């Protein structure tokens, strides 16, 4: 599981909906070398934090985060090798 940091707006939806607390939000200054994706910036406001996967192995692939991620930056590889990507509803 990963979060594409250049696309993360810091909306916190992933953290809010995750039933097993996979995500945490960290101040953007901790990611000084990450440049915001201009495609995402055209649609959404970047906030003061970015999402970070802190408990990836706990993921149960419920897909809640995948539908809530406004930056469409979450990617999950399940135990069978299938890739799941976020698509904002």
C-alpha atoms as a PDB file:
ATOM      1  CA  UNK A   1       0.000   0.000   0.000  1.00  0.00           C
ATOM      2  CA  UNK A   2       1.236   3.452  -0.821  1.00  0.00           C
ATOM      3  CA  UNK A   3       0.243   7.087  -1.076  1.00  0.00           C
ATOM      4  CA  UNK A   4       1.572   9.050  -4.059  1.00  0.00           C
ATOM      5  CA  UNK A   5       2.688  12.064  -2.036  1.00  0.00           C
ATOM      6  CA  UNK A   6       2.688  14.616  -4.912  1.00  0.00           C
ATOM      7  CA  UNK A   7      -1.043  13.958  -5.357  1.00  0.00           C
ATOM      8  CA  UNK A   8      -2.006  13.941  -1.657  1.00  0.00           C
ATOM      9  CA  UNK A   9      -4.027  17.051  -0.777  1.00  0.00           C
ATOM     10  CA  UNK A  10      -4.111  16.329   2.945  1.00  0.00           C
ATOM     11  CA  UNK A  11      -7.909  16.097   2.895  1.00  0.00           C
ATOM     12  CA  UNK A  12      -7.775  13.435   5.663  1.00  0.00           C
ATOM     13  CA  UNK A  13     -10.645  11.446   4.156  1.00  0.00           C
ATOM     14  CA  UNK A  14      -8.501   8.282   4.103  1.00  0.00           C
ATOM     15  CA  UNK A  15      -7.735   8.608   7.788  1.00  0.00           C
ATOM     16  CA  UNK A  16     -11.341   9.413   8.639  1.00  0.00           C
ATOM     17  CA  UNK A  17     -12.825   6.348   6.914  1.00  0.00           C
ATOM     18  CA  UNK A  18     -10.160   3.699   7.549  1.00  0.00           C
ATOM     19  CA  UNK A  19     -11.501   1.150  10.059  1.00  0.00           C
ATOM     20  CA  UNK A  20      -8.028  -0.150  10.961  1.00  0.00           C
ATOM     21  CA  UNK A  21      -6.077   3.134  11.218  1.00  0.00           C
ATOM     22  CA  UNK A  22      -3.673   2.595   8.336  1.00  0.00           C
ATOM     23  CA  UNK A  23      -3.105   6.317   7.687  1.00  0.00           C
ATOM     24  CA  UNK A  24      -1.663   9.225   9.616  1.00  0.00           C
ATOM     25  CA  UNK A  25      -1.306  12.846   8.616  1.00  0.00           C
ATOM     26  CA  UNK A  26       2.066  14.562   8.846  1.00  0.00           C
ATOM     27  CA  UNK A  27       3.082  18.194   8.292  1.00  0.00           C
ATOM     28  CA  UNK A  28       3.930  18.961   4.677  1.00  0.00           C
ATOM     29  CA  UNK A  29       7.318  20.368   5.677  1.00  0.00           C
ATOM     30  CA  UNK A  30       8.406  16.801   6.498  1.00  0.00           C
ATOM     31  CA  UNK A  31       8.188  16.141   2.746  1.00  0.00           C
ATOM     32  CA  UNK A  32      10.199  19.135   1.538  1.00  0.00           C
ATOM     33  CA  UNK A  33      11.373  17.416  -1.667  1.00  0.00           C
ATOM     34  CA  UNK A  34       7.865  16.489  -2.817  1.00  0.00           C
ATOM     35  CA  UNK A  35       6.402  18.761  -5.502  1.00  0.00           C
ATOM     36  CA  UNK A  36       2.607  19.066  -5.678  1.00  0.00           C
ATOM     37  CA  UNK A  37       1.012  17.545  -8.765  1.00  0.00           C
ATOM     38  CA  UNK A  38      -0.312  20.441 -10.910  1.00  0.00           C
ATOM     39  CA  UNK A  39      -3.242  18.320 -12.185  1.00  0.00           C
ATOM     40  CA  UNK A  40      -4.480  17.857  -8.624  1.00  0.00           C
ATOM     41  CA  UNK A  41      -3.744  21.491  -7.720  1.00  0.00           C
ATOM     42  CA  UNK A  42      -6.058  22.601 -10.540  1.00  0.00           C
ATOM     43  CA  UNK A  43      -8.973  20.817  -8.836  1.00  0.00           C
ATOM     44  CA  UNK A  44      -8.264  20.913  -5.095  1.00  0.00           C
ATOM     45  CA  UNK A  45      -6.563  22.979  -2.419  1.00  0.00           C
ATOM     46  CA  UNK A  46      -3.487  21.443  -0.815  1.00  0.00           C
ATOM     47  CA  UNK A  47      -3.701  21.544   2.979  1.00  0.00           C
ATOM     48  CA  UNK A  48      -1.056  21.770   5.707  1.00  0.00           C
ATOM     49  CA  UNK A  49      -0.518  17.995   5.929  1.00  0.00           C
ATOM     50  CA  UNK A  50       0.015  14.932   3.757  1.00  0.00           C
ATOM     51  CA  UNK A  51      -1.217  11.399   4.363  1.00  0.00           C
ATOM     52  CA  UNK A  52       1.269   8.675   5.151  1.00  0.00           C
ATOM     53  CA  UNK A  53       0.764   4.914   5.392  1.00  0.00           C
ATOM     54  CA  UNK A  54       1.852   3.977   8.906  1.00  0.00           C
ATOM     55  CA  UNK A  55       0.114   0.610   9.395  1.00  0.00           C
ATOM     56  CA  UNK A  56       0.028  -0.833   5.877  1.00  0.00           C
ATOM     57  CA  UNK A  57      -0.041  -4.502   6.948  1.00  0.00           C
ATOM     58  CA  UNK A  58      -3.264  -3.812   8.863  1.00  0.00           C
ATOM     59  CA  UNK A  59      -5.120  -2.938   5.626  1.00  0.00           C
ATOM     60  CA  UNK A  60      -8.157  -5.179   5.055  1.00  0.00           C
ATOM     61  CA  UNK A  61      -8.731  -3.863   1.499  1.00  0.00           C
ATOM     62  CA  UNK A  62     -12.203  -2.583   2.382  1.00  0.00           C
ATOM     63  CA  UNK A  63     -11.700   0.120  -0.289  1.00  0.00           C
ATOM     64  CA  UNK A  64     -13.215   2.908   1.827  1.00  0.00           C
ATOM     65  CA  UNK A  65     -10.136   5.081   1.351  1.00  0.00           C
ATOM     66  CA  UNK A  66     -10.093   4.434  -2.383  1.00  0.00           C
ATOM     67  CA  UNK A  67     -13.481   6.117  -2.860  1.00  0.00           C
ATOM     68  CA  UNK A  68     -12.786   9.040  -0.524  1.00  0.00           C
ATOM     69  CA  UNK A  69      -9.323  10.111  -1.717  1.00  0.00           C
ATOM     70  CA  UNK A  70      -9.783  13.405  -3.586  1.00  0.00           C
ATOM     71  CA  UNK A  71      -6.216  13.377  -4.929  1.00  0.00           C
ATOM     72  CA  UNK A  72      -6.637   9.808  -6.207  1.00  0.00           C
ATOM     73  CA  UNK A  73      -3.249   8.991  -4.735  1.00  0.00           C
ATOM     74  CA  UNK A  74      -3.778   5.675  -2.921  1.00  0.00           C
ATOM     75  CA  UNK A  75      -2.639   2.354  -4.370  1.00  0.00           C
ATOM     76  CA  UNK A  76      -3.189  -1.019  -2.701  1.00  0.00           C
ATOM     77  CA  UNK A  77      -1.721  -4.325  -3.807  1.00  0.00           C
ATOM     78  CA  UNK A  78      -3.765  -7.131  -2.236  1.00  0.00           C
ATOM     79  CA  UNK A  79      -2.557 -10.581  -1.172  1.00  0.00           C
ATOM     80  CA  UNK A  80      -3.490 -12.046  -4.572  1.00  0.00           C
ATOM     81  CA  UNK A  81      -1.449  -9.441  -6.438  1.00  0.00           C
ATOM     82  CA  UNK A  82      -4.394  -7.359  -7.646  1.00  0.00           C
ATOM     83  CA  UNK A  83      -3.830  -3.626  -7.763  1.00  0.00           C
ATOM     84  CA  UNK A  84      -6.518  -1.264  -6.460  1.00  0.00           C
ATOM     85  CA  UNK A  85      -6.315   2.489  -7.096  1.00  0.00           C
ATOM     86  CA  UNK A  86      -8.296   5.342  -5.665  1.00  0.00           C
ATOM     87  CA  UNK A  87     -11.009   6.925  -7.804  1.00  0.00           C
ATOM     88  CA  UNK A  88     -12.686   9.916  -6.224  1.00  0.00           C
ATOM     89  CA  UNK A  89     -16.459   9.516  -6.106  1.00  0.00           C
END
